[in-house]
Amino acid sequence: MLHRRIPVEHVCPDFVPGRALRVTAVVLEELVADQPLLQIEYTISPPLPPRGRGSTVASSPVVWDATTASDDQGTAYRDGGGAYGRAPGDDRTTGTLTLSPAPPPAARCLRVVLRAWFPWATSVETFHECVIDVDLTAASA
């Protein structure tokens, strides 16, 4: 079973209005029936505003556009969605974005592009972008 974790410390300045988005790791994993995946782990501090009853946010606090990635071997990655949330008492939002497939063994560097719009910050659909370069040779098993 494939599992490699690459620690990343990349702050996306001005990506989330009034907050800091930090990409903390890239995980290469074989999760389901030999389907290799690439997961991008991140945190947002302070946390995103909640949605739903009792909140000023009617819809999702973040609208992710298709996350894209490319590597030095020309691999085409597909956006597999993601998940995010805040644990009770936590002072940040944590999340994961998924791409597939996992990079081929010969790949040495990966460029990930995140795009998102934050409806609670502006009603105008304005997408922010952050580019993260990952050294795939830094992976640990």
N, C-alpha and C. Protein backbone atom coordinates (compact mmCIF):
# COMPACT_ATOMS: atom_id res chain seq x y z
N MET A 1 0.85 -1.19 0.00
CA MET A 1 0.00 0.00 0.00
C MET A 1 0.88 1.24 0.00
N LEU A 2 0.65 2.09 -0.93
CA LEU A 2 1.40 3.33 -1.07
C LEU A 2 1.01 4.32 0.02
N HIS A 3 1.99 4.88 0.69
CA HIS A 3 1.73 5.98 1.63
C HIS A 3 3.03 6.76 1.81
N ARG A 4 3.03 7.96 1.29
CA ARG A 4 4.18 8.86 1.49
C ARG A 4 3.63 10.21 1.90
N ARG A 5 4.28 10.81 2.88
CA ARG A 5 3.86 12.12 3.38
C ARG A 5 4.99 13.11 3.14
N ILE A 6 4.64 14.24 2.54
CA ILE A 6 5.60 15.30 2.28
C ILE A 6 5.20 16.51 3.12
N PRO A 7 5.96 16.83 4.15
CA PRO A 7 5.64 18.03 4.92
C PRO A 7 5.83 19.27 4.04
N VAL A 8 4.89 20.17 4.14
CA VAL A 8 4.94 21.41 3.37
C VAL A 8 4.63 22.55 4.34
N GLU A 9 5.32 23.64 4.21
CA GLU A 9 5.01 24.83 4.99
C GLU A 9 4.90 25.98 4.02
N HIS A 10 3.71 26.12 3.44
CA HIS A 10 3.49 27.17 2.45
C HIS A 10 2.29 28.01 2.88
N VAL A 11 2.51 29.29 3.08
CA VAL A 11 1.42 30.21 3.41
C VAL A 11 0.99 30.90 2.13
N CYS A 12 -0.31 30.89 1.90
CA CYS A 12 -0.87 31.57 0.73
C CYS A 12 -1.32 32.97 1.16
N PRO A 13 -0.48 33.99 0.94
CA PRO A 13 -0.84 35.34 1.38
C PRO A 13 -2.02 35.88 0.60
N ASP A 14 -2.92 36.53 1.30
CA ASP A 14 -4.10 37.18 0.70
C ASP A 14 -5.03 36.23 -0.03
N PHE A 15 -4.94 34.93 0.24
CA PHE A 15 -5.82 33.96 -0.41
C PHE A 15 -7.21 34.00 0.20
N VAL A 16 -7.28 33.89 1.54
CA VAL A 16 -8.55 33.96 2.26
C VAL A 16 -8.61 35.34 2.92
N PRO A 17 -9.61 36.15 2.60
CA PRO A 17 -9.67 37.49 3.18
C PRO A 17 -9.63 37.47 4.71
N GLY A 18 -8.64 38.17 5.28
CA GLY A 18 -8.52 38.30 6.72
C GLY A 18 -8.06 37.06 7.45
N ARG A 19 -7.58 36.07 6.71
CA ARG A 19 -7.16 34.81 7.32
C ARG A 19 -5.89 34.29 6.64
N ALA A 20 -5.24 33.34 7.27
CA ALA A 20 -4.05 32.73 6.68
C ALA A 20 -4.36 31.29 6.30
N LEU A 21 -4.12 30.95 5.04
CA LEU A 21 -4.22 29.57 4.59
C LEU A 21 -2.81 29.00 4.53
N ARG A 22 -2.61 27.87 5.22
CA ARG A 22 -1.31 27.20 5.23
C ARG A 22 -1.48 25.79 4.66
N VAL A 23 -0.71 25.49 3.64
CA VAL A 23 -0.65 24.12 3.15
C VAL A 23 0.39 23.43 4.03
N THR A 24 -0.03 22.34 4.69
CA THR A 24 0.82 21.70 5.69
C THR A 24 1.44 20.39 5.22
N ALA A 25 0.81 19.72 4.25
CA ALA A 25 1.36 18.45 3.78
C ALA A 25 0.73 18.04 2.46
N VAL A 26 1.48 17.24 1.73
CA VAL A 26 0.96 16.54 0.56
C VAL A 26 1.13 15.06 0.88
N VAL A 27 0.05 14.30 0.75
CA VAL A 27 0.08 12.88 1.08
C VAL A 27 -0.22 12.10 -0.19
N LEU A 28 0.65 11.14 -0.50
CA LEU A 28 0.47 10.25 -1.64
C LEU A 28 -0.03 8.93 -1.05
N GLU A 29 -1.23 8.53 -1.47
CA GLU A 29 -1.85 7.41 -0.80
C GLU A 29 -2.65 6.55 -1.77
N GLU A 30 -2.73 5.27 -1.46
CA GLU A 30 -3.57 4.34 -2.20
C GLU A 30 -4.73 4.02 -1.27
N LEU A 31 -5.86 4.68 -1.48
CA LEU A 31 -6.96 4.57 -0.53
C LEU A 31 -8.00 3.51 -0.89
N VAL A 32 -8.38 3.44 -2.15
CA VAL A 32 -9.49 2.57 -2.54
C VAL A 32 -9.10 1.74 -3.75
N ALA A 33 -9.13 0.45 -3.62
CA ALA A 33 -8.95 -0.49 -4.74
C ALA A 33 -7.83 -0.08 -5.69
N ASP A 34 -6.64 0.09 -5.15
CA ASP A 34 -5.48 0.41 -5.98
C ASP A 34 -5.61 1.73 -6.73
N GLN A 35 -6.41 2.65 -6.24
CA GLN A 35 -6.56 3.97 -6.85
C GLN A 35 -5.63 4.94 -6.13
N PRO A 36 -4.48 5.28 -6.73
CA PRO A 36 -3.56 6.20 -6.04
C PRO A 36 -4.11 7.63 -6.05
N LEU A 37 -3.97 8.27 -4.93
CA LEU A 37 -4.48 9.64 -4.76
C LEU A 37 -3.39 10.55 -4.23
N LEU A 38 -3.61 11.83 -4.45
CA LEU A 38 -2.74 12.88 -3.95
C LEU A 38 -3.64 13.77 -3.10
N GLN A 39 -3.32 13.94 -1.83
CA GLN A 39 -4.13 14.77 -0.94
C GLN A 39 -3.32 15.98 -0.48
N ILE A 40 -3.95 17.14 -0.51
CA ILE A 40 -3.33 18.37 -0.06
C ILE A 40 -4.01 18.74 1.26
N GLU A 41 -3.24 18.78 2.34
CA GLU A 41 -3.79 19.13 3.65
C GLU A 41 -3.50 20.60 3.94
N TYR A 42 -4.51 21.28 4.50
CA TYR A 42 -4.35 22.71 4.78
C TYR A 42 -5.09 23.10 6.04
N THR A 43 -4.73 24.28 6.56
CA THR A 43 -5.45 24.89 7.67
C THR A 43 -5.75 26.35 7.31
N ILE A 44 -6.81 26.88 7.88
CA ILE A 44 -7.16 28.29 7.73
C ILE A 44 -7.36 28.86 9.13
N SER A 45 -6.61 29.92 9.45
CA SER A 45 -6.68 30.56 10.78
C SER A 45 -6.89 32.06 10.62
N PRO A 46 -7.76 32.67 11.39
CA PRO A 46 -8.78 32.03 12.21
C PRO A 46 -9.74 31.24 11.32
N PRO A 47 -10.61 30.42 11.93
CA PRO A 47 -11.46 29.53 11.13
C PRO A 47 -12.44 30.29 10.24
N LEU A 48 -12.91 29.59 9.21
CA LEU A 48 -13.95 30.15 8.35
C LEU A 48 -15.23 30.32 9.17
N PRO A 49 -16.07 31.28 8.81
CA PRO A 49 -17.33 31.44 9.55
C PRO A 49 -18.23 30.22 9.33
N PRO A 50 -19.02 29.87 10.34
CA PRO A 50 -19.92 28.73 10.17
C PRO A 50 -21.07 29.08 9.22
N ARG A 51 -21.74 28.07 8.71
CA ARG A 51 -22.92 28.30 7.90
C ARG A 51 -24.12 27.65 8.57
N GLY A 52 -25.30 28.06 8.14
CA GLY A 52 -26.51 27.44 8.67
C GLY A 52 -27.18 28.28 9.73
N ARG A 53 -28.02 27.64 10.54
CA ARG A 53 -28.82 28.32 11.55
C ARG A 53 -27.96 29.14 12.50
N GLY A 54 -28.34 30.39 12.71
CA GLY A 54 -27.62 31.27 13.61
C GLY A 54 -26.37 31.89 13.03
N SER A 55 -26.15 31.70 11.74
CA SER A 55 -24.96 32.23 11.10
C SER A 55 -25.33 33.31 10.10
N THR A 56 -24.39 34.19 9.83
CA THR A 56 -24.59 35.20 8.80
C THR A 56 -24.23 34.67 7.42
N VAL A 57 -23.71 33.44 7.36
CA VAL A 57 -23.32 32.83 6.09
C VAL A 57 -24.43 31.87 5.67
N ALA A 58 -25.16 32.23 4.60
CA ALA A 58 -26.28 31.42 4.15
C ALA A 58 -25.81 30.20 3.36
N SER A 59 -24.78 30.39 2.54
CA SER A 59 -24.28 29.27 1.74
C SER A 59 -22.92 28.84 2.27
N SER A 60 -22.23 28.05 1.52
CA SER A 60 -20.91 27.59 1.92
C SER A 60 -19.97 28.78 2.09
N PRO A 61 -19.12 28.78 3.13
CA PRO A 61 -18.18 29.89 3.31
C PRO A 61 -17.04 29.90 2.29
N VAL A 62 -16.89 28.78 1.55
CA VAL A 62 -15.85 28.73 0.51
C VAL A 62 -16.39 27.95 -0.69
N VAL A 63 -16.13 28.48 -1.87
CA VAL A 63 -16.47 27.81 -3.12
C VAL A 63 -15.15 27.51 -3.82
N TRP A 64 -14.76 26.23 -3.80
CA TRP A 64 -13.52 25.82 -4.46
C TRP A 64 -13.77 25.66 -5.94
N ASP A 65 -12.89 26.23 -6.74
CA ASP A 65 -12.87 25.98 -8.17
C ASP A 65 -12.04 24.71 -8.37
N ALA A 66 -11.99 24.17 -9.54
CA ALA A 66 -11.22 22.95 -9.79
C ALA A 66 -9.76 23.17 -9.40
N THR A 67 -9.28 22.36 -8.46
CA THR A 67 -7.86 22.38 -8.10
C THR A 67 -7.09 21.70 -9.22
N THR A 68 -5.99 22.28 -9.63
CA THR A 68 -5.20 21.70 -10.72
C THR A 68 -3.79 21.44 -10.24
N ALA A 69 -3.11 20.55 -10.96
CA ALA A 69 -1.71 20.26 -10.64
C ALA A 69 -1.03 19.73 -11.89
N SER A 70 0.29 19.92 -11.92
CA SER A 70 1.11 19.37 -12.99
C SER A 70 2.46 19.01 -12.39
N ASP A 71 3.13 18.04 -13.00
CA ASP A 71 4.46 17.69 -12.52
C ASP A 71 5.45 17.74 -13.68
N ASP A 72 6.71 17.49 -13.37
CA ASP A 72 7.76 17.59 -14.37
C ASP A 72 7.75 16.42 -15.36
N GLN A 73 6.82 15.47 -15.21
CA GLN A 73 6.68 14.36 -16.15
C GLN A 73 5.47 14.53 -17.06
N GLY A 74 4.73 15.65 -16.89
CA GLY A 74 3.57 15.93 -17.73
C GLY A 74 2.30 15.21 -17.31
N THR A 75 2.22 14.75 -16.08
CA THR A 75 1.04 14.04 -15.59
C THR A 75 -0.16 14.99 -15.52
N ALA A 76 -1.31 14.52 -15.97
CA ALA A 76 -2.57 15.27 -15.87
C ALA A 76 -3.31 14.78 -14.63
N TYR A 77 -3.61 15.68 -13.71
CA TYR A 77 -4.29 15.35 -12.47
C TYR A 77 -5.74 15.77 -12.52
N ARG A 78 -6.62 14.94 -11.95
CA ARG A 78 -8.05 15.23 -11.90
C ARG A 78 -8.45 15.65 -10.49
N ASP A 79 -9.27 16.69 -10.39
CA ASP A 79 -9.77 17.17 -9.11
C ASP A 79 -10.75 16.14 -8.56
N GLY A 80 -10.53 15.73 -7.32
CA GLY A 80 -11.41 14.74 -6.69
C GLY A 80 -12.23 15.31 -5.56
N GLY A 81 -12.29 16.64 -5.46
CA GLY A 81 -13.07 17.27 -4.39
C GLY A 81 -12.29 17.36 -3.10
N GLY A 82 -13.00 17.57 -2.03
CA GLY A 82 -12.33 17.71 -0.74
C GLY A 82 -13.33 17.83 0.38
N ALA A 83 -12.81 18.08 1.55
CA ALA A 83 -13.63 18.25 2.74
C ALA A 83 -12.93 19.21 3.68
N TYR A 84 -13.72 19.93 4.47
CA TYR A 84 -13.14 20.83 5.46
C TYR A 84 -14.11 20.99 6.61
N GLY A 85 -13.59 21.44 7.71
CA GLY A 85 -14.45 21.66 8.87
C GLY A 85 -13.64 22.14 10.05
N ARG A 86 -14.35 22.31 11.12
CA ARG A 86 -13.72 22.80 12.35
C ARG A 86 -14.15 21.90 13.49
N ALA A 87 -13.18 21.36 14.18
CA ALA A 87 -13.48 20.53 15.35
C ALA A 87 -13.92 21.44 16.49
N PRO A 88 -14.84 20.99 17.34
CA PRO A 88 -15.27 21.81 18.48
C PRO A 88 -14.06 22.26 19.29
N GLY A 89 -14.02 23.54 19.59
CA GLY A 89 -12.93 24.09 20.38
C GLY A 89 -11.67 24.39 19.60
N ASP A 90 -11.65 24.04 18.31
CA ASP A 90 -10.46 24.28 17.49
C ASP A 90 -10.47 25.74 17.02
N ASP A 91 -9.29 26.33 16.91
CA ASP A 91 -9.18 27.73 16.51
C ASP A 91 -8.83 27.88 15.03
N ARG A 92 -9.14 26.85 14.23
CA ARG A 92 -8.85 26.91 12.80
C ARG A 92 -9.75 25.94 12.05
N THR A 93 -9.85 26.17 10.76
CA THR A 93 -10.51 25.23 9.86
C THR A 93 -9.43 24.33 9.29
N THR A 94 -9.68 23.04 9.25
CA THR A 94 -8.75 22.11 8.61
C THR A 94 -9.44 21.48 7.41
N GLY A 95 -8.65 21.16 6.38
CA GLY A 95 -9.25 20.59 5.19
C GLY A 95 -8.28 19.77 4.38
N THR A 96 -8.85 19.04 3.43
CA THR A 96 -8.09 18.22 2.50
C THR A 96 -8.69 18.36 1.12
N LEU A 97 -7.85 18.56 0.12
CA LEU A 97 -8.25 18.55 -1.28
C LEU A 97 -7.61 17.33 -1.92
N THR A 98 -8.32 16.66 -2.82
CA THR A 98 -7.84 15.42 -3.40
C THR A 98 -7.68 15.55 -4.91
N LEU A 99 -6.59 15.00 -5.41
CA LEU A 99 -6.33 14.91 -6.84
C LEU A 99 -5.95 13.47 -7.15
N SER A 100 -6.14 13.07 -8.40
CA SER A 100 -5.67 11.75 -8.81
C SER A 100 -5.14 11.83 -10.23
N PRO A 101 -4.21 10.98 -10.58
CA PRO A 101 -3.62 9.92 -9.76
C PRO A 101 -2.52 10.48 -8.87
N ALA A 102 -1.85 9.60 -8.14
CA ALA A 102 -0.64 10.00 -7.42
C ALA A 102 0.45 10.20 -8.46
N PRO A 103 1.45 11.04 -8.18
CA PRO A 103 2.54 11.26 -9.15
C PRO A 103 3.30 9.97 -9.46
N PRO A 104 3.78 9.84 -10.69
CA PRO A 104 4.58 8.68 -11.04
C PRO A 104 5.91 8.71 -10.29
N PRO A 105 6.56 7.55 -10.11
CA PRO A 105 7.82 7.51 -9.36
C PRO A 105 8.91 8.43 -9.91
N ALA A 106 8.91 8.70 -11.22
CA ALA A 106 9.95 9.54 -11.82
C ALA A 106 9.72 11.04 -11.57
N ALA A 107 8.53 11.43 -11.12
CA ALA A 107 8.23 12.84 -10.90
C ALA A 107 9.04 13.37 -9.72
N ARG A 108 9.64 14.54 -9.90
CA ARG A 108 10.47 15.15 -8.86
C ARG A 108 9.85 16.41 -8.27
N CYS A 109 9.02 17.10 -9.05
CA CYS A 109 8.39 18.33 -8.54
C CYS A 109 6.94 18.40 -9.02
N LEU A 110 6.14 19.04 -8.20
CA LEU A 110 4.70 19.15 -8.44
C LEU A 110 4.29 20.60 -8.22
N ARG A 111 3.48 21.13 -9.11
CA ARG A 111 2.92 22.48 -8.94
C ARG A 111 1.41 22.34 -8.80
N VAL A 112 0.90 22.82 -7.67
CA VAL A 112 -0.53 22.76 -7.37
C VAL A 112 -1.09 24.18 -7.41
N VAL A 113 -2.24 24.34 -8.04
CA VAL A 113 -2.90 25.64 -8.10
C VAL A 113 -4.26 25.53 -7.42
N LEU A 114 -4.44 26.30 -6.34
CA LEU A 114 -5.71 26.36 -5.62
C LEU A 114 -6.46 27.60 -6.07
N ARG A 115 -7.77 27.47 -6.28
CA ARG A 115 -8.61 28.62 -6.62
C ARG A 115 -9.88 28.54 -5.79
N ALA A 116 -10.26 29.66 -5.16
CA ALA A 116 -11.47 29.66 -4.34
C ALA A 116 -12.07 31.06 -4.27
N TRP A 117 -13.38 31.08 -4.01
CA TRP A 117 -14.13 32.32 -3.78
C TRP A 117 -14.76 32.20 -2.40
N PHE A 118 -14.79 33.30 -1.67
CA PHE A 118 -15.30 33.32 -0.30
C PHE A 118 -16.53 34.24 -0.24
N PRO A 119 -17.74 33.67 -0.45
CA PRO A 119 -18.96 34.48 -0.54
C PRO A 119 -19.25 35.35 0.68
N TRP A 120 -18.81 34.93 1.87
CA TRP A 120 -19.05 35.72 3.08
C TRP A 120 -18.24 37.02 3.06
N ALA A 121 -17.15 37.04 2.28
CA ALA A 121 -16.28 38.22 2.24
C ALA A 121 -16.70 39.21 1.17
N THR A 122 -17.29 38.71 0.08
CA THR A 122 -17.75 39.58 -1.01
C THR A 122 -18.84 38.87 -1.80
N SER A 123 -19.85 39.60 -2.18
CA SER A 123 -20.93 39.00 -2.97
C SER A 123 -20.53 38.87 -4.44
N VAL A 124 -19.47 39.55 -4.83
CA VAL A 124 -18.98 39.46 -6.20
C VAL A 124 -18.15 38.17 -6.33
N GLU A 125 -18.46 37.37 -7.32
CA GLU A 125 -17.75 36.10 -7.51
C GLU A 125 -16.32 36.36 -7.97
N THR A 126 -15.43 36.49 -6.99
CA THR A 126 -14.02 36.78 -7.24
C THR A 126 -13.18 35.62 -6.72
N PHE A 127 -12.52 34.92 -7.63
CA PHE A 127 -11.69 33.78 -7.23
C PHE A 127 -10.27 34.24 -6.93
N HIS A 128 -9.75 33.73 -5.81
CA HIS A 128 -8.37 33.97 -5.41
C HIS A 128 -7.56 32.75 -5.80
N GLU A 129 -6.27 32.95 -6.08
CA GLU A 129 -5.43 31.85 -6.54
C GLU A 129 -4.16 31.77 -5.71
N CYS A 130 -3.71 30.55 -5.46
CA CYS A 130 -2.47 30.30 -4.75
C CYS A 130 -1.74 29.16 -5.45
N VAL A 131 -0.45 29.34 -5.70
CA VAL A 131 0.37 28.34 -6.36
C VAL A 131 1.37 27.78 -5.34
N ILE A 132 1.43 26.44 -5.27
CA ILE A 132 2.32 25.77 -4.34
C ILE A 132 3.23 24.84 -5.12
N ASP A 133 4.54 24.98 -4.95
CA ASP A 133 5.50 24.07 -5.56
C ASP A 133 5.96 23.08 -4.51
N VAL A 134 5.89 21.79 -4.84
CA VAL A 134 6.20 20.72 -3.89
C VAL A 134 7.37 19.89 -4.42
N ASP A 135 8.38 19.70 -3.58
CA ASP A 135 9.51 18.84 -3.89
C ASP A 135 9.13 17.41 -3.55
N LEU A 136 8.82 16.60 -4.56
CA LEU A 136 8.37 15.24 -4.34
C LEU A 136 9.46 14.33 -3.81
N THR A 137 10.70 14.73 -3.92
CA THR A 137 11.81 13.91 -3.41
C THR A 137 11.90 13.98 -1.89
N ALA A 138 11.15 14.87 -1.27
CA ALA A 138 11.18 15.03 0.20
C ALA A 138 10.22 14.09 0.91
N ALA A 139 9.58 13.19 0.19
CA ALA A 139 8.59 12.30 0.78
C ALA A 139 9.20 11.32 1.77
N SER A 140 8.43 10.99 2.79
CA SER A 140 8.85 9.96 3.74
C SER A 140 7.77 8.88 3.79
N ALA A 141 8.17 7.67 4.04
CA ALA A 141 7.21 6.55 4.07
C ALA A 141 6.52 6.49 5.42
